[in-house]
Amino acid sequence: MAVALEPSLSRAEARLRIAAALERAGIAEARGDARFLLLQLLGLTQTDLALRGNEPIGPAGAEALADALRQRLTGVPVARILGEWEFRGLTFALSPETLVPRPDTETLVETALHLVRNPAPRILDLGTGSGCILVALLDVLPGARGIGLDRSADALSTARGNAIRNGVGNRSAFVQGDWCAAVGGPFDLIVSNPPYIASGVIPTLVEEVREHDPIAALDGGQDGLDAYRAIIRAVTERPALLAAGGALAFEIGYDQAEPVSDLGRQVGLTVEAITRDLAGHPRVVTLRPSFGVTPTDNKVVQ
């Protein structure tokens, strides 16, 4: 699709022209996307745009914005165009093998932070992807060390770079493997945002997700629970993975609180809490070994 933006266009005019093109294409967040692309690609702040919106975008800016607009018009998400995304105030590079960090996952990070009892916890992040969960936890917990595990070498390389970029490279390691198989223990905290979408649902996802997110990071098998089964089985078969008083926290789909809780109960784990996200949906299930746990089974945290 041919798109031209003249270098003489002002920043404000470019924003309006990009927004208009996106609106004509039926893109829901056209104005927000246009503003965000302009700010990010030209290295501007909101104040820059407000006070110096009449300055020209210039040749380099015109080329970068035209290329971004072409991609957005073909359905490429803004995060994929930029190649990076912000999560909890930190910036994470993306790759074709990593998911874009989403606000829902902030609920997992917040929940995990409240689970830590050890001032120098060891953390295991299963299916680390971009590393956003582990890096965000290490950023807040200066005494913590952690391991991010993933099947994808590409994802691990991206995660390792993100850890270094965000100042926690010396407290993190990234290991290739299938769930818990490649690591020992004990860990004070095991976190995971595993693939949890049922295979039959994948074709019905919105195009931006279906065509641009790695399917391996989405597809949780026939019922969406394959990864949870594998992780819970590993934790129960290898009790040394969890330290005394340790916890396991899963991000879940909006309708998976009871199925995932049941998987834990079936092997003797206690469901310490089910935490809701900002939209009010169950988003995190916290499990602990049954010994030494305050009986709060089925507690729902608002």
Protein backbone atom coordinates (compact mmCIF):
# COMPACT_ATOMS: atom_id res chain seq x y z
CA MET A 1 0.00 0.00 0.00
CA ALA A 2 1.58 3.28 -1.15
CA VAL A 3 1.86 5.84 1.62
CA ALA A 4 3.67 9.15 1.31
CA LEU A 5 4.42 11.72 3.99
CA GLU A 6 6.26 14.85 2.92
CA PRO A 7 9.28 15.90 5.00
CA SER A 8 7.82 19.40 5.13
CA LEU A 9 4.75 18.22 7.04
CA SER A 10 4.58 19.55 10.56
CA ARG A 11 4.48 17.09 13.42
CA ALA A 12 0.86 18.00 14.10
CA GLU A 13 -0.13 17.61 10.44
CA ALA A 14 1.62 14.25 10.22
CA ARG A 15 -0.24 13.00 13.26
CA LEU A 16 -3.57 14.02 11.78
CA ARG A 17 -2.78 12.50 8.40
CA ILE A 18 -1.69 9.19 9.93
CA ALA A 19 -4.79 9.10 12.14
CA ALA A 20 -7.05 9.78 9.16
CA ALA A 21 -5.47 6.96 7.15
CA LEU A 22 -5.88 4.54 10.02
CA GLU A 23 -9.49 5.60 10.60
CA ARG A 24 -10.30 5.02 6.94
CA ALA A 25 -8.89 1.52 7.33
CA GLY A 26 -11.21 0.89 10.27
CA ILE A 27 -8.50 0.66 12.93
CA ALA A 28 -10.21 1.25 16.28
CA GLU A 29 -7.45 3.11 18.10
CA ALA A 30 -6.43 5.19 15.10
CA ARG A 31 -5.78 8.48 16.90
CA GLY A 32 -3.94 6.88 19.79
CA ASP A 33 -1.83 4.77 17.44
CA ALA A 34 -0.96 7.82 15.34
CA ARG A 35 0.13 9.83 18.38
CA PHE A 36 2.12 6.98 19.86
CA LEU A 37 3.96 6.17 16.63
CA LEU A 38 4.81 9.83 16.13
CA LEU A 39 6.15 10.26 19.65
CA GLN A 40 8.15 7.03 19.65
CA LEU A 41 9.60 7.21 16.15
CA LEU A 42 10.55 10.88 16.38
CA GLY A 43 11.74 10.62 19.96
CA LEU A 44 9.30 13.23 21.23
CA THR A 45 7.41 13.81 24.45
CA GLN A 46 3.82 14.99 24.75
CA THR A 47 5.22 18.40 25.69
CA ASP A 48 7.35 18.49 22.53
CA LEU A 49 4.28 17.81 20.43
CA ALA A 50 2.20 20.42 22.24
CA LEU A 51 4.80 23.19 22.17
CA ARG A 52 6.63 22.43 18.92
CA GLY A 53 4.01 20.67 16.86
CA ASN A 54 4.58 23.07 13.96
CA GLU A 55 8.15 21.86 13.37
CA PRO A 56 8.64 19.69 10.25
CA ILE A 57 9.10 15.95 10.56
CA GLY A 58 12.07 16.06 8.15
CA PRO A 59 13.24 13.41 5.65
CA ALA A 60 14.19 10.74 8.20
CA GLY A 61 10.98 11.24 10.15
CA ALA A 62 8.87 11.12 7.00
CA GLU A 63 10.46 7.84 5.95
CA ALA A 64 10.12 6.22 9.38
CA LEU A 65 6.50 7.31 9.80
CA ALA A 66 5.50 6.26 6.28
CA ASP A 67 7.00 2.82 6.83
CA ALA A 68 5.22 2.48 10.18
CA LEU A 69 1.93 3.57 8.63
CA ARG A 70 2.28 1.02 5.83
CA GLN A 71 2.81 -1.72 8.41
CA ARG A 72 -0.06 -0.61 10.62
CA LEU A 73 -2.43 -0.53 7.64
CA THR A 74 -1.60 -4.19 6.97
CA GLY A 75 -2.51 -5.13 10.54
CA VAL A 76 0.90 -5.13 12.22
CA PRO A 77 0.43 -4.10 15.89
CA VAL A 78 2.14 -0.93 17.09
CA ALA A 79 4.37 -2.88 19.46
CA ARG A 80 5.63 -5.07 16.62
CA ILE A 81 6.32 -2.02 14.47
CA LEU A 82 8.36 -0.42 17.23
CA GLY A 83 10.04 -3.68 18.20
CA GLU A 84 9.71 -2.88 21.89
CA TRP A 85 7.09 -2.21 24.54
CA GLU A 86 6.85 -0.78 28.03
CA PHE A 87 5.88 -2.90 31.03
CA ARG A 88 5.78 -1.55 34.58
CA GLY A 89 7.90 1.44 33.57
CA LEU A 90 10.60 -0.71 31.95
CA THR A 91 11.23 -1.08 28.23
CA PHE A 92 11.42 -4.54 26.68
CA ALA A 93 12.68 -5.46 23.25
CA LEU A 94 10.47 -7.93 21.38
CA SER A 95 11.18 -10.68 18.89
CA PRO A 96 8.97 -12.94 16.75
CA GLU A 97 9.25 -15.56 19.50
CA THR A 98 8.01 -13.35 22.36
CA LEU A 99 4.60 -12.06 23.33
CA VAL A 100 3.98 -8.36 23.75
CA PRO A 101 3.82 -7.65 27.52
CA ARG A 102 0.21 -6.93 28.45
CA PRO A 103 -1.44 -5.12 31.36
CA ASP A 104 -3.04 -8.38 32.56
CA THR A 105 0.40 -9.72 33.38
CA GLU A 106 1.03 -6.83 35.76
CA THR A 107 -1.47 -8.57 38.06
CA LEU A 108 0.84 -11.59 38.16
CA VAL A 109 3.84 -9.42 39.04
CA GLU A 110 1.94 -7.58 41.78
CA THR A 111 0.67 -10.84 43.23
CA ALA A 112 4.14 -12.38 43.15
CA LEU A 113 5.66 -9.43 44.98
CA HIS A 114 3.26 -9.98 47.88
CA LEU A 115 4.18 -13.66 48.08
CA VAL A 116 7.87 -13.12 48.75
CA ARG A 117 8.88 -13.90 52.35
CA ASN A 118 12.63 -14.23 51.90
CA PRO A 119 14.63 -10.96 51.61
CA ALA A 120 16.87 -12.66 49.03
CA PRO A 121 14.45 -14.87 47.11
CA ARG A 122 15.32 -17.20 44.26
CA ILE A 123 12.77 -16.87 41.47
CA LEU A 124 11.99 -19.17 38.54
CA ASP A 125 10.05 -17.77 35.58
CA LEU A 126 8.72 -20.55 33.36
CA GLY A 127 8.12 -19.64 29.72
CA THR A 128 9.96 -16.36 30.23
CA GLY A 129 9.50 -14.99 26.70
CA SER A 130 10.74 -11.40 26.70
CA GLY A 131 11.71 -11.79 30.36
CA CYS A 132 9.28 -9.08 31.41
CA ILE A 133 7.96 -10.92 34.49
CA LEU A 134 11.34 -11.92 35.89
CA VAL A 135 13.00 -8.59 35.09
CA ALA A 136 10.12 -6.63 36.64
CA LEU A 137 10.37 -8.71 39.82
CA LEU A 138 14.15 -8.34 40.07
CA ASP A 139 13.82 -4.61 39.47
CA VAL A 140 11.69 -4.26 42.62
CA LEU A 141 13.48 -6.91 44.71
CA PRO A 142 17.16 -5.87 44.94
CA GLY A 143 18.09 -8.98 46.91
CA ALA A 144 16.50 -11.40 44.47
CA ARG A 145 18.11 -13.61 41.86
CA GLY A 146 16.26 -15.47 39.16
CA ILE A 147 16.22 -17.88 36.26
CA GLY A 148 14.09 -17.48 33.15
CA LEU A 149 13.40 -20.69 31.28
CA ASP A 150 12.05 -21.02 27.75
CA ARG A 151 12.09 -23.49 24.87
CA SER A 152 12.97 -20.79 22.36
CA ALA A 153 16.61 -19.77 21.94
CA ASP A 154 15.44 -16.59 20.24
CA ALA A 155 13.22 -15.68 23.21
CA LEU A 156 16.06 -16.39 25.64
CA SER A 157 18.43 -14.13 23.72
CA THR A 158 15.82 -11.38 23.80
CA ALA A 159 15.16 -11.88 27.52
CA ARG A 160 18.87 -11.84 28.33
CA GLY A 161 19.25 -8.55 26.49
CA ASN A 162 16.26 -7.10 28.31
CA ALA A 163 17.70 -8.08 31.68
CA ILE A 164 20.96 -6.31 30.85
CA ARG A 165 19.14 -3.29 29.43
CA ASN A 166 17.11 -2.92 32.62
CA GLY A 167 20.02 -3.35 35.01
CA VAL A 168 19.40 -6.87 36.36
CA GLY A 169 21.64 -8.89 34.06
CA ASN A 170 24.02 -9.76 36.90
CA ARG A 171 21.18 -11.25 38.98
CA SER A 172 19.53 -13.32 36.25
CA ALA A 173 20.25 -16.33 34.08
CA PHE A 174 18.33 -17.68 31.11
CA VAL A 175 18.12 -21.38 30.39
CA GLN A 176 16.71 -23.32 27.45
CA GLY A 177 14.42 -26.18 28.41
CA ASP A 178 10.92 -27.58 28.67
CA TRP A 179 9.27 -26.23 31.80
CA CYS A 180 11.16 -27.36 34.90
CA ALA A 181 13.30 -30.07 33.30
CA ALA A 182 16.48 -28.00 32.92
CA VAL A 183 16.64 -26.46 36.40
CA GLY A 184 17.13 -27.57 39.98
CA GLY A 185 16.04 -25.69 43.06
CA PRO A 186 14.99 -24.67 45.54
CA PHE A 187 13.05 -21.58 44.46
CA ASP A 188 11.13 -19.34 46.80
CA LEU A 189 8.83 -18.32 44.00
CA ILE A 190 7.87 -19.95 40.71
CA VAL A 191 5.89 -17.76 38.31
CA SER A 192 4.51 -18.48 34.88
CA ASN A 193 2.33 -16.95 32.20
CA PRO A 194 2.10 -20.13 30.15
CA PRO A 195 0.20 -20.79 26.91
CA TYR A 196 -3.42 -21.08 28.05
CA ILE A 197 -5.65 -20.66 25.00
CA ALA A 198 -7.42 -23.81 23.83
CA SER A 199 -6.19 -24.96 20.41
CA GLY A 200 -9.64 -24.70 18.86
CA VAL A 201 -9.92 -21.04 19.90
CA ILE A 202 -6.68 -19.93 18.20
CA PRO A 203 -8.28 -19.47 14.73
CA THR A 204 -10.93 -17.17 16.27
CA LEU A 205 -8.46 -14.74 17.88
CA VAL A 206 -8.23 -11.23 16.49
CA GLU A 207 -5.89 -10.97 13.53
CA GLU A 208 -3.30 -8.87 15.35
CA VAL A 209 -2.82 -11.68 17.86
CA ARG A 210 -3.34 -14.64 15.53
CA GLU A 211 -0.97 -13.39 12.84
CA HIS A 212 1.72 -11.68 14.90
CA ASP A 213 2.07 -13.43 18.26
CA PRO A 214 3.99 -16.73 18.45
CA ILE A 215 1.45 -19.55 18.42
CA ALA A 216 3.63 -21.63 20.72
CA ALA A 217 3.21 -18.97 23.40
CA LEU A 218 -0.58 -19.00 23.01
CA ASP A 219 -1.66 -22.61 22.37
CA GLY A 220 -2.36 -24.46 25.60
CA GLY A 221 -3.61 -27.66 24.00
CA GLN A 222 -7.11 -29.01 23.57
CA ASP A 223 -8.48 -27.52 26.79
CA GLY A 224 -5.86 -24.82 27.33
CA LEU A 225 -4.48 -26.54 30.44
CA ASP A 226 -1.53 -28.57 29.10
CA ALA A 227 1.16 -26.24 30.47
CA TYR A 228 -0.45 -26.04 33.91
CA ARG A 229 -0.56 -29.84 34.10
CA ALA A 230 3.10 -30.12 33.14
CA ILE A 231 4.28 -27.50 35.65
CA ILE A 232 2.16 -28.79 38.53
CA ARG A 233 3.32 -32.33 37.80
CA ALA A 234 6.96 -31.23 37.86
CA VAL A 235 6.53 -29.35 41.14
CA THR A 236 4.85 -32.29 42.85
CA GLU A 237 7.21 -34.93 41.44
CA ARG A 238 10.26 -32.82 42.36
CA PRO A 239 9.36 -31.23 45.71
CA ALA A 240 12.88 -29.77 46.03
CA LEU A 241 11.96 -27.24 43.33
CA LEU A 242 10.03 -25.18 45.89
CA ALA A 243 11.76 -23.94 49.02
CA ALA A 244 10.01 -24.24 52.37
CA GLY A 245 7.25 -21.65 52.33
CA GLY A 246 7.60 -21.23 48.58
CA ALA A 247 4.74 -20.44 46.23
CA LEU A 248 3.67 -21.07 42.66
CA ALA A 249 1.79 -18.25 40.87
CA PHE A 250 0.11 -18.72 37.48
CA GLU A 251 -1.45 -16.22 35.15
CA ILE A 252 -4.69 -17.75 33.87
CA GLY A 253 -7.42 -17.12 31.34
CA TYR A 254 -10.57 -15.40 32.61
CA ASP A 255 -12.47 -18.72 32.91
CA GLN A 256 -9.66 -20.96 34.18
CA ALA A 257 -9.55 -20.23 37.92
CA GLU A 258 -11.42 -23.37 38.94
CA PRO A 259 -9.82 -25.78 36.41
CA VAL A 260 -6.30 -24.67 37.38
CA SER A 261 -7.17 -24.69 41.09
CA ASP A 262 -8.54 -28.22 40.72
CA LEU A 263 -5.32 -29.38 39.07
CA GLY A 264 -3.44 -28.16 42.14
CA ARG A 265 -5.86 -29.66 44.64
CA GLN A 266 -5.73 -33.05 42.91
CA VAL A 267 -2.05 -33.38 43.80
CA GLY A 268 -2.30 -31.93 47.30
CA LEU A 269 -1.45 -28.28 46.68
CA THR A 270 -3.35 -25.59 48.53
CA VAL A 271 -5.03 -22.80 46.59
CA GLU A 272 -3.88 -19.81 48.60
CA ALA A 273 -5.63 -17.14 46.54
CA ILE A 274 -7.28 -16.28 43.26
CA THR A 275 -6.47 -12.68 42.30
CA ARG A 276 -8.56 -10.55 39.98
CA ASP A 277 -7.21 -8.13 37.38
CA LEU A 278 -8.28 -4.51 36.98
CA ALA A 279 -11.25 -5.60 34.84
CA GLY A 280 -12.48 -7.82 37.65
CA HIS A 281 -11.60 -11.13 35.98
CA PRO A 282 -9.80 -13.92 37.85
CA ARG A 283 -6.23 -13.59 36.56
CA VAL A 284 -3.79 -15.29 38.95
CA VAL A 285 -3.95 -18.55 40.88
CA THR A 286 -1.51 -18.94 43.76
CA LEU A 287 -0.64 -22.45 44.97
CA ARG A 288 1.51 -23.64 47.85
CA PRO A 289 2.42 -27.06 49.22
CA SER A 290 -0.15 -27.97 51.86
CA PHE A 291 2.25 -28.04 54.80
CA GLY A 292 2.77 -24.82 56.72
CA VAL A 293 0.10 -22.85 54.88
CA THR A 294 -2.51 -20.65 56.48
CA PRO A 295 -5.87 -22.13 55.42
CA THR A 296 -7.08 -19.54 52.93
CA ASP A 297 -8.20 -22.01 50.27
CA ASN A 298 -10.47 -20.36 47.66
CA LYS A 299 -9.75 -16.85 48.92
CA VAL A 300 -10.50 -14.39 46.13
CA VAL A 301 -8.52 -11.16 46.23
CA GLN A 302 -10.28 -8.19 44.68
